[in-house]
Amino acid sequence: MKVLYIGDIVGKVGRTTSKGVLPNFVDRYKIDFVIANGENVAGGFGVTDKTAGEILNCGVHVITTGNHVWDKKESIPCIAKEDRILRPVNYP
């Protein structure tokens, strides 16, 4: 099994790059599972339904987060309803 881990996807530039590069990269290298850190995917702070959807739809299977995920209020309901977003256990 080939697993790809992508470090922090930050803001619109990170989302645009992911959409432009990831699908072909996954096909070319026959990647089976993609994990990406998305704690700063929404304008550099947090994650929203829209931004999570963008990176999940381009081939990411699971989004990890860290302390910056709490920088946007919109992150809380997004994390609560999206099973593919992991939150840090050691943060509220």
PDB file of N, CA and C in Angstrom:
ATOM      1  N   MET A   1       0.846  -1.179   0.000  1.00  0.00           N
ATOM      2  CA  MET A   1       0.000   0.000   0.000  1.00  0.00           C
ATOM      3  C   MET A   1       0.891   1.241   0.000  1.00  0.00           C
ATOM      4  N   LYS A   2       0.593   2.165  -0.898  1.00  0.00           N
ATOM      5  CA  LYS A   2       1.340   3.421  -0.960  1.00  0.00           C
ATOM      6  C   LYS A   2       0.502   4.527  -0.336  1.00  0.00           C
ATOM      7  N   VAL A   3       1.088   5.180   0.685  1.00  0.00           N
ATOM      8  CA  VAL A   3       0.425   6.259   1.396  1.00  0.00           C
ATOM      9  C   VAL A   3       1.213   7.540   1.161  1.00  0.00           C
ATOM     10  N   LEU A   4       0.500   8.602   0.822  1.00  0.00           N
ATOM     11  CA  LEU A   4       1.116   9.917   0.643  1.00  0.00           C
ATOM     12  C   LEU A   4       0.647  10.811   1.777  1.00  0.00           C
ATOM     13  N   TYR A   5       1.599  11.439   2.472  1.00  0.00           N
ATOM     14  CA  TYR A   5       1.251  12.420   3.498  1.00  0.00           C
ATOM     15  C   TYR A   5       1.694  13.782   3.004  1.00  0.00           C
ATOM     16  N   ILE A   6       0.758  14.714   2.961  1.00  0.00           N
ATOM     17  CA  ILE A   6       1.044  16.078   2.527  1.00  0.00           C
ATOM     18  C   ILE A   6       1.073  16.955   3.764  1.00  0.00           C
ATOM     19  N   GLY A   7       2.131  17.735   3.906  1.00  0.00           N
ATOM     20  CA  GLY A   7       2.224  18.679   5.016  1.00  0.00           C
ATOM     21  C   GLY A   7       1.157  19.759   4.886  1.00  0.00           C
ATOM     22  N   ASP A   8       1.260  20.792   5.624  1.00  0.00           N
ATOM     23  CA  ASP A   8       0.258  21.845   5.736  1.00  0.00           C
ATOM     24  C   ASP A   8      -0.167  22.434   4.386  1.00  0.00           C
ATOM     25  N   ILE A   9      -1.434  22.269   4.039  1.00  0.00           N
ATOM     26  CA  ILE A   9      -2.015  22.942   2.877  1.00  0.00           C
ATOM     27  C   ILE A   9      -2.536  24.275   3.398  1.00  0.00           C
ATOM     28  N   VAL A  10      -1.972  25.375   2.898  1.00  0.00           N
ATOM     29  CA  VAL A  10      -2.286  26.693   3.445  1.00  0.00           C
ATOM     30  C   VAL A  10      -3.046  27.538   2.426  1.00  0.00           C
ATOM     31  N   GLY A  11      -4.236  27.963   2.816  1.00  0.00           N
ATOM     32  CA  GLY A  11      -5.013  28.922   2.053  1.00  0.00           C
ATOM     33  C   GLY A  11      -5.359  28.520   0.632  1.00  0.00           C
ATOM     34  N   LYS A  12      -5.786  29.537  -0.134  1.00  0.00           N
ATOM     35  CA  LYS A  12      -6.233  29.322  -1.508  1.00  0.00           C
ATOM     36  C   LYS A  12      -5.115  28.789  -2.398  1.00  0.00           C
ATOM     37  N   VAL A  13      -3.910  29.301  -2.220  1.00  0.00           N
ATOM     38  CA  VAL A  13      -2.783  28.830  -3.037  1.00  0.00           C
ATOM     39  C   VAL A  13      -2.548  27.342  -2.805  1.00  0.00           C
ATOM     40  N   GLY A  14      -2.599  26.907  -1.565  1.00  0.00           N
ATOM     41  CA  GLY A  14      -2.416  25.492  -1.252  1.00  0.00           C
ATOM     42  C   GLY A  14      -3.526  24.625  -1.822  1.00  0.00           C
ATOM     43  N   ARG A  15      -4.763  25.118  -1.734  1.00  0.00           N
ATOM     44  CA  ARG A  15      -5.892  24.360  -2.290  1.00  0.00           C
ATOM     45  C   ARG A  15      -5.796  24.280  -3.808  1.00  0.00           C
ATOM     46  N   THR A  16      -5.472  25.395  -4.442  1.00  0.00           N
ATOM     47  CA  THR A  16      -5.346  25.423  -5.904  1.00  0.00           C
ATOM     48  C   THR A  16      -4.230  24.502  -6.371  1.00  0.00           C
ATOM     49  N   THR A  17      -3.108  24.542  -5.682  1.00  0.00           N
ATOM     50  CA  THR A  17      -1.984  23.665  -6.034  1.00  0.00           C
ATOM     51  C   THR A  17      -2.368  22.203  -5.849  1.00  0.00           C
ATOM     52  N   SER A  18      -3.038  21.901  -4.754  1.00  0.00           N
ATOM     53  CA  SER A  18      -3.470  20.518  -4.504  1.00  0.00           C
ATOM     54  C   SER A  18      -4.384  20.021  -5.618  1.00  0.00           C
ATOM     55  N   LYS A  19      -5.344  20.860  -6.015  1.00  0.00           N
ATOM     56  CA  LYS A  19      -6.271  20.469  -7.083  1.00  0.00           C
ATOM     57  C   LYS A  19      -5.546  20.275  -8.410  1.00  0.00           C
ATOM     58  N   GLY A  20      -4.528  21.090  -8.651  1.00  0.00           N
ATOM     59  CA  GLY A  20      -3.814  21.014  -9.918  1.00  0.00           C
ATOM     60  C   GLY A  20      -2.796  19.894 -10.001  1.00  0.00           C
ATOM     61  N   VAL A  21      -2.233  19.502  -8.871  1.00  0.00           N
ATOM     62  CA  VAL A  21      -1.129  18.536  -8.863  1.00  0.00           C
ATOM     63  C   VAL A  21      -1.542  17.148  -8.376  1.00  0.00           C
ATOM     64  N   LEU A  22      -2.358  17.099  -7.350  1.00  0.00           N
ATOM     65  CA  LEU A  22      -2.619  15.829  -6.661  1.00  0.00           C
ATOM     66  C   LEU A  22      -3.224  14.722  -7.532  1.00  0.00           C
ATOM     67  N   PRO A  23      -4.281  14.985  -8.293  1.00  0.00           N
ATOM     68  CA  PRO A  23      -4.868  13.880  -9.063  1.00  0.00           C
ATOM     69  C   PRO A  23      -3.872  13.185  -9.994  1.00  0.00           C
ATOM     70  N   ASN A  24      -3.077  13.944 -10.716  1.00  0.00           N
ATOM     71  CA  ASN A  24      -2.085  13.343 -11.619  1.00  0.00           C
ATOM     72  C   ASN A  24      -0.976  12.637 -10.849  1.00  0.00           C
ATOM     73  N   PHE A  25      -0.556  13.215  -9.734  1.00  0.00           N
ATOM     74  CA  PHE A  25       0.496  12.619  -8.909  1.00  0.00           C
ATOM     75  C   PHE A  25       0.048  11.255  -8.381  1.00  0.00           C
ATOM     76  N   VAL A  26      -1.189  11.209  -7.891  1.00  0.00           N
ATOM     77  CA  VAL A  26      -1.752   9.960  -7.362  1.00  0.00           C
ATOM     78  C   VAL A  26      -1.819   8.900  -8.460  1.00  0.00           C
ATOM     79  N   ASP A  27      -2.261   9.298  -9.634  1.00  0.00           N
ATOM     80  CA  ASP A  27      -2.320   8.349 -10.755  1.00  0.00           C
ATOM     81  C   ASP A  27      -0.929   7.885 -11.176  1.00  0.00           C
ATOM     82  N   ARG A  28      -0.034   8.825 -11.317  1.00  0.00           N
ATOM     83  CA  ARG A  28       1.318   8.503 -11.800  1.00  0.00           C
ATOM     84  C   ARG A  28       2.050   7.537 -10.876  1.00  0.00           C
ATOM     85  N   TYR A  29       1.970   7.785  -9.577  1.00  0.00           N
ATOM     86  CA  TYR A  29       2.712   6.975  -8.607  1.00  0.00           C
ATOM     87  C   TYR A  29       1.856   5.894  -7.941  1.00  0.00           C
ATOM     88  N   LYS A  30       0.631   5.751  -8.413  1.00  0.00           N
ATOM     89  CA  LYS A  30      -0.277   4.709  -7.924  1.00  0.00           C
ATOM     90  C   LYS A  30      -0.441   4.747  -6.395  1.00  0.00           C
ATOM     91  N   ILE A  31      -0.734   5.946  -5.905  1.00  0.00           N
ATOM     92  CA  ILE A  31      -0.933   6.168  -4.473  1.00  0.00           C
ATOM     93  C   ILE A  31      -2.294   5.592  -4.071  1.00  0.00           C
ATOM     94  N   ASP A  32      -2.321   4.851  -2.971  1.00  0.00           N
ATOM     95  CA  ASP A  32      -3.551   4.221  -2.497  1.00  0.00           C
ATOM     96  C   ASP A  32      -4.332   5.071  -1.498  1.00  0.00           C
ATOM     97  N   PHE A  33      -3.619   5.881  -0.715  1.00  0.00           N
ATOM     98  CA  PHE A  33      -4.276   6.617   0.364  1.00  0.00           C
ATOM     99  C   PHE A  33      -3.543   7.931   0.578  1.00  0.00           C
ATOM    100  N   VAL A  34      -4.311   9.035   0.672  1.00  0.00           N
ATOM    101  CA  VAL A  34      -3.715  10.369   0.818  1.00  0.00           C
ATOM    102  C   VAL A  34      -4.189  11.005   2.123  1.00  0.00           C
ATOM    103  N   ILE A  35      -3.223  11.434   2.925  1.00  0.00           N
ATOM    104  CA  ILE A  35      -3.469  12.140   4.182  1.00  0.00           C
ATOM    105  C   ILE A  35      -2.866  13.529   4.027  1.00  0.00           C
ATOM    106  N   ALA A  36      -3.597  14.563   4.430  1.00  0.00           N
ATOM    107  CA  ALA A  36      -3.068  15.925   4.321  1.00  0.00           C
ATOM    108  C   ALA A  36      -3.386  16.706   5.583  1.00  0.00           C
ATOM    109  N   ASN A  37      -2.442  17.542   5.997  1.00  0.00           N
ATOM    110  CA  ASN A  37      -2.710  18.443   7.104  1.00  0.00           C
ATOM    111  C   ASN A  37      -3.474  19.632   6.543  1.00  0.00           C
ATOM    112  N   GLY A  38      -4.621  19.931   7.140  1.00  0.00           N
ATOM    113  CA  GLY A  38      -5.463  21.011   6.638  1.00  0.00           C
ATOM    114  C   GLY A  38      -5.865  22.011   7.693  1.00  0.00           C
ATOM    115  N   GLU A  39      -5.077  22.150   8.732  1.00  0.00           N
ATOM    116  CA  GLU A  39      -5.466  23.060   9.809  1.00  0.00           C
ATOM    117  C   GLU A  39      -5.418  24.526   9.394  1.00  0.00           C
ATOM    118  N   ASN A  40      -4.771  24.832   8.276  1.00  0.00           N
ATOM    119  CA  ASN A  40      -4.675  26.214   7.793  1.00  0.00           C
ATOM    120  C   ASN A  40      -5.249  26.374   6.390  1.00  0.00           C
ATOM    121  N   VAL A  41      -6.101  25.461   5.983  1.00  0.00           N
ATOM    122  CA  VAL A  41      -6.598  25.430   4.612  1.00  0.00           C
ATOM    123  C   VAL A  41      -7.560  26.583   4.302  1.00  0.00           C
ATOM    124  N   ALA A  42      -8.193  27.148   5.305  1.00  0.00           N
ATOM    125  CA  ALA A  42      -9.163  28.237   5.104  1.00  0.00           C
ATOM    126  C   ALA A  42      -8.493  29.582   5.350  1.00  0.00           C
ATOM    127  N   GLY A  43      -7.899  30.133   4.333  1.00  0.00           N
ATOM    128  CA  GLY A  43      -7.269  31.449   4.462  1.00  0.00           C
ATOM    129  C   GLY A  43      -6.110  31.483   5.436  1.00  0.00           C
ATOM    130  N   GLY A  44      -5.487  30.355   5.667  1.00  0.00           N
ATOM    131  CA  GLY A  44      -4.348  30.289   6.573  1.00  0.00           C
ATOM    132  C   GLY A  44      -4.712  29.986   8.016  1.00  0.00           C
ATOM    133  N   PHE A  45      -6.020  29.860   8.294  1.00  0.00           N
ATOM    134  CA  PHE A  45      -6.471  29.601   9.666  1.00  0.00           C
ATOM    135  C   PHE A  45      -7.711  28.724   9.650  1.00  0.00           C
ATOM    136  N   GLY A  46      -7.622  27.534  10.200  1.00  0.00           N
ATOM    137  CA  GLY A  46      -8.791  26.679  10.345  1.00  0.00           C
ATOM    138  C   GLY A  46      -9.219  25.981   9.065  1.00  0.00           C
ATOM    139  N   VAL A  47     -10.409  25.372   9.146  1.00  0.00           N
ATOM    140  CA  VAL A  47     -10.982  24.623   8.028  1.00  0.00           C
ATOM    141  C   VAL A  47     -12.489  24.872   8.014  1.00  0.00           C
ATOM    142  N   THR A  48     -13.070  25.005   6.836  1.00  0.00           N
ATOM    143  CA  THR A  48     -14.512  25.200   6.694  1.00  0.00           C
ATOM    144  C   THR A  48     -15.081  24.078   5.828  1.00  0.00           C
ATOM    145  N   ASP A  49     -16.401  24.006   5.762  1.00  0.00           N
ATOM    146  CA  ASP A  49     -17.025  22.997   4.901  1.00  0.00           C
ATOM    147  C   ASP A  49     -16.519  23.127   3.465  1.00  0.00           C
ATOM    148  N   LYS A  50     -16.477  24.353   2.969  1.00  0.00           N
ATOM    149  CA  LYS A  50     -16.060  24.601   1.587  1.00  0.00           C
ATOM    150  C   LYS A  50     -14.614  24.180   1.351  1.00  0.00           C
ATOM    151  N   THR A  51     -13.718  24.608   2.236  1.00  0.00           N
ATOM    152  CA  THR A  51     -12.298  24.318   2.018  1.00  0.00           C
ATOM    153  C   THR A  51     -11.982  22.843   2.230  1.00  0.00           C
ATOM    154  N   ALA A  52     -12.644  22.219   3.194  1.00  0.00           N
ATOM    155  CA  ALA A  52     -12.457  20.773   3.392  1.00  0.00           C
ATOM    156  C   ALA A  52     -12.941  20.021   2.161  1.00  0.00           C
ATOM    157  N   GLY A  53     -14.102  20.419   1.651  1.00  0.00           N
ATOM    158  CA  GLY A  53     -14.647  19.781   0.460  1.00  0.00           C
ATOM    159  C   GLY A  53     -13.721  19.883  -0.733  1.00  0.00           C
ATOM    160  N   GLU A  54     -13.094  21.041  -0.895  1.00  0.00           N
ATOM    161  CA  GLU A  54     -12.177  21.234  -2.018  1.00  0.00           C
ATOM    162  C   GLU A  54     -11.024  20.234  -1.984  1.00  0.00           C
ATOM    163  N   ILE A  55     -10.409  20.071  -0.822  1.00  0.00           N
ATOM    164  CA  ILE A  55      -9.256  19.162  -0.803  1.00  0.00           C
ATOM    165  C   ILE A  55      -9.675  17.695  -0.744  1.00  0.00           C
ATOM    166  N   LEU A  56     -10.811  17.410  -0.135  1.00  0.00           N
ATOM    167  CA  LEU A  56     -11.290  16.023  -0.141  1.00  0.00           C
ATOM    168  C   LEU A  56     -11.696  15.604  -1.560  1.00  0.00           C
ATOM    169  N   ASN A  57     -12.257  16.530  -2.317  1.00  0.00           N
ATOM    170  CA  ASN A  57     -12.688  16.223  -3.681  1.00  0.00           C
ATOM    171  C   ASN A  57     -11.546  16.110  -4.680  1.00  0.00           C
ATOM    172  N   CYS A  58     -10.363  16.556  -4.316  1.00  0.00           N
ATOM    173  CA  CYS A  58      -9.237  16.437  -5.256  1.00  0.00           C
ATOM    174  C   CYS A  58      -8.392  15.196  -4.981  1.00  0.00           C
ATOM    175  N   GLY A  59      -8.812  14.373  -4.010  1.00  0.00           N
ATOM    176  CA  GLY A  59      -8.116  13.111  -3.801  1.00  0.00           C
ATOM    177  C   GLY A  59      -7.585  12.856  -2.407  1.00  0.00           C
ATOM    178  N   VAL A  60      -7.748  13.799  -1.497  1.00  0.00           N
ATOM    179  CA  VAL A  60      -7.328  13.588  -0.108  1.00  0.00           C
ATOM    180  C   VAL A  60      -8.374  12.707   0.569  1.00  0.00           C
ATOM    181  N   HIS A  61      -7.932  11.682   1.271  1.00  0.00           N
ATOM    182  CA  HIS A  61      -8.851  10.780   1.966  1.00  0.00           C
ATOM    183  C   HIS A  61      -9.117  11.206   3.404  1.00  0.00           C
ATOM    184  N   VAL A  62      -8.101  11.751   4.073  1.00  0.00           N
ATOM    185  CA  VAL A  62      -8.219  12.159   5.474  1.00  0.00           C
ATOM    186  C   VAL A  62      -7.472  13.473   5.668  1.00  0.00           C
ATOM    187  N   ILE A  63      -8.085  14.375   6.436  1.00  0.00           N
ATOM    188  CA  ILE A  63      -7.458  15.654   6.779  1.00  0.00           C
ATOM    189  C   ILE A  63      -7.072  15.612   8.249  1.00  0.00           C
ATOM    190  N   THR A  64      -5.810  15.897   8.530  1.00  0.00           N
ATOM    191  CA  THR A  64      -5.373  16.029   9.919  1.00  0.00           C
ATOM    192  C   THR A  64      -5.363  17.508  10.273  1.00  0.00           C
ATOM    193  N   THR A  65      -5.399  17.793  11.565  1.00  0.00           N
ATOM    194  CA  THR A  65      -5.392  19.184  12.018  1.00  0.00           C
ATOM    195  C   THR A  65      -4.475  19.327  13.221  1.00  0.00           C
ATOM    196  N   GLY A  66      -4.371  20.539  13.693  1.00  0.00           N
ATOM    197  CA  GLY A  66      -3.577  20.853  14.877  1.00  0.00           C
ATOM    198  C   GLY A  66      -4.218  22.036  15.583  1.00  0.00           C
ATOM    199  N   ASN A  67      -3.442  22.746  16.357  1.00  0.00           N
ATOM    200  CA  ASN A  67      -3.995  23.829  17.171  1.00  0.00           C
ATOM    201  C   ASN A  67      -4.604  24.969  16.352  1.00  0.00           C
ATOM    202  N   HIS A  68      -4.136  25.210  15.135  1.00  0.00           N
ATOM    203  CA  HIS A  68      -4.676  26.317  14.335  1.00  0.00           C
ATOM    204  C   HIS A  68      -6.087  26.054  13.825  1.00  0.00           C
ATOM    205  N   VAL A  69      -6.540  24.822  13.902  1.00  0.00           N
ATOM    206  CA  VAL A  69      -7.884  24.517  13.425  1.00  0.00           C
ATOM    207  C   VAL A  69      -8.935  25.295  14.215  1.00  0.00           C
ATOM    208  N   TRP A  70      -8.619  25.674  15.440  1.00  0.00           N
ATOM    209  CA  TRP A  70      -9.584  26.388  16.279  1.00  0.00           C
ATOM    210  C   TRP A  70      -9.594  27.890  16.009  1.00  0.00           C
ATOM    211  N   ASP A  71      -8.784  28.375  15.081  1.00  0.00           N
ATOM    212  CA  ASP A  71      -8.718  29.808  14.793  1.00  0.00           C
ATOM    213  C   ASP A  71      -9.962  30.341  14.080  1.00  0.00           C
ATOM    214  N   LYS A  72     -10.761  29.485  13.506  1.00  0.00           N
ATOM    215  CA  LYS A  72     -12.018  29.883  12.858  1.00  0.00           C
ATOM    216  C   LYS A  72     -13.175  29.167  13.549  1.00  0.00           C
ATOM    217  N   LYS A  73     -14.213  29.930  13.888  1.00  0.00           N
ATOM    218  CA  LYS A  73     -15.393  29.324  14.520  1.00  0.00           C
ATOM    219  C   LYS A  73     -16.046  28.283  13.612  1.00  0.00           C
ATOM    220  N   GLU A  74     -15.947  28.510  12.304  1.00  0.00           N
ATOM    221  CA  GLU A  74     -16.569  27.598  11.338  1.00  0.00           C
ATOM    222  C   GLU A  74     -15.953  26.203  11.373  1.00  0.00           C
ATOM    223  N   SER A  75     -14.758  26.086  11.942  1.00  0.00           N
ATOM    224  CA  SER A  75     -14.094  24.783  12.013  1.00  0.00           C
ATOM    225  C   SER A  75     -14.846  23.803  12.906  1.00  0.00           C
ATOM    226  N   ILE A  76     -15.456  24.302  13.965  1.00  0.00           N
ATOM    227  CA  ILE A  76     -16.078  23.423  14.960  1.00  0.00           C
ATOM    228  C   ILE A  76     -17.213  22.582  14.358  1.00  0.00           C
ATOM    229  N   PRO A  77     -18.218  23.196  13.699  1.00  0.00           N
ATOM    230  CA  PRO A  77     -19.260  22.348  13.109  1.00  0.00           C
ATOM    231  C   PRO A  77     -18.750  21.504  11.945  1.00  0.00           C
ATOM    232  N   CYS A  78     -17.782  22.012  11.229  1.00  0.00           N
ATOM    233  CA  CYS A  78     -17.202  21.260  10.112  1.00  0.00           C
ATOM    234  C   CYS A  78     -16.568  19.968  10.614  1.00  0.00           C
ATOM    235  N   ILE A  79     -15.773  20.062  11.658  1.00  0.00           N
ATOM    236  CA  ILE A  79     -15.114  18.883  12.232  1.00  0.00           C
ATOM    237  C   ILE A  79     -16.148  17.920  12.826  1.00  0.00           C
ATOM    238  N   ALA A  80     -17.188  18.484  13.437  1.00  0.00           N
ATOM    239  CA  ALA A  80     -18.210  17.651  14.076  1.00  0.00           C
ATOM    240  C   ALA A  80     -18.959  16.773  13.076  1.00  0.00           C
ATOM    241  N   LYS A  81     -19.148  17.268  11.857  1.00  0.00           N
ATOM    242  CA  LYS A  81     -19.946  16.485  10.905  1.00  0.00           C
ATOM    243  C   LYS A  81     -19.136  15.732   9.864  1.00  0.00           C
ATOM    244  N   GLU A  82     -17.868  16.050   9.701  1.00  0.00           N
ATOM    245  CA  GLU A  82     -17.046  15.393   8.674  1.00  0.00           C
ATOM    246  C   GLU A  82     -16.137  14.351   9.311  1.00  0.00           C
ATOM    247  N   ASP A  83     -16.447  13.087   9.084  1.00  0.00           N
ATOM    248  CA  ASP A  83     -15.681  11.983   9.675  1.00  0.00           C
ATOM    249  C   ASP A  83     -14.250  11.885   9.163  1.00  0.00           C
ATOM    250  N   ARG A  84     -13.976  12.507   8.028  1.00  0.00           N
ATOM    251  CA  ARG A  84     -12.634  12.401   7.442  1.00  0.00           C
ATOM    252  C   ARG A  84     -11.687  13.496   7.921  1.00  0.00           C
ATOM    253  N   ILE A  85     -12.126  14.290   8.901  1.00  0.00           N
ATOM    254  CA  ILE A  85     -11.255  15.305   9.506  1.00  0.00           C
ATOM    255  C   ILE A  85     -10.911  14.849  10.917  1.00  0.00           C
ATOM    256  N   LEU A  86      -9.619  14.717  11.181  1.00  0.00           N
ATOM    257  CA  LEU A  86      -9.148  14.312  12.509  1.00  0.00           C
ATOM    258  C   LEU A  86      -8.756  15.549  13.297  1.00  0.00           C
ATOM    259  N   ARG A  87      -9.160  15.605  14.535  1.00  0.00           N
ATOM    260  CA  ARG A  87      -8.806  16.742  15.384  1.00  0.00           C
ATOM    261  C   ARG A  87      -7.815  16.299  16.443  1.00  0.00           C
ATOM    262  N   PRO A  88      -7.012  17.247  16.950  1.00  0.00           N
ATOM    263  CA  PRO A  88      -6.061  16.882  17.992  1.00  0.00           C
ATOM    264  C   PRO A  88      -6.786  16.513  19.287  1.00  0.00           C
ATOM    265  N   VAL A  89      -6.401  15.415  19.866  1.00  0.00           N
ATOM    266  CA  VAL A  89      -7.028  14.950  21.100  1.00  0.00           C
ATOM    267  C   VAL A  89      -6.640  15.836  22.282  1.00  0.00           C
ATOM    268  N   ASN A  90      -5.446  16.409  22.240  1.00  0.00           N
ATOM    269  CA  ASN A  90      -4.965  17.180  23.380  1.00  0.00           C
ATOM    270  C   ASN A  90      -5.380  18.649  23.333  1.00  0.00           C
ATOM    271  N   TYR A  91      -6.329  18.999  22.477  1.00  0.00           N
ATOM    272  CA  TYR A  91      -6.891  20.352  22.432  1.00  0.00           C
ATOM    273  C   TYR A  91      -8.385  20.243  22.628  1.00  0.00           C
ATOM    274  N   PRO A  92      -9.011  21.321  23.107  1.00  0.00           N
ATOM    275  CA  PRO A  92     -10.457  21.265  23.417  1.00  0.00           C
ATOM    276  C   PRO A  92     -11.334  20.868  22.247  1.00  0.00           C
TER     277      PRO A  92
END
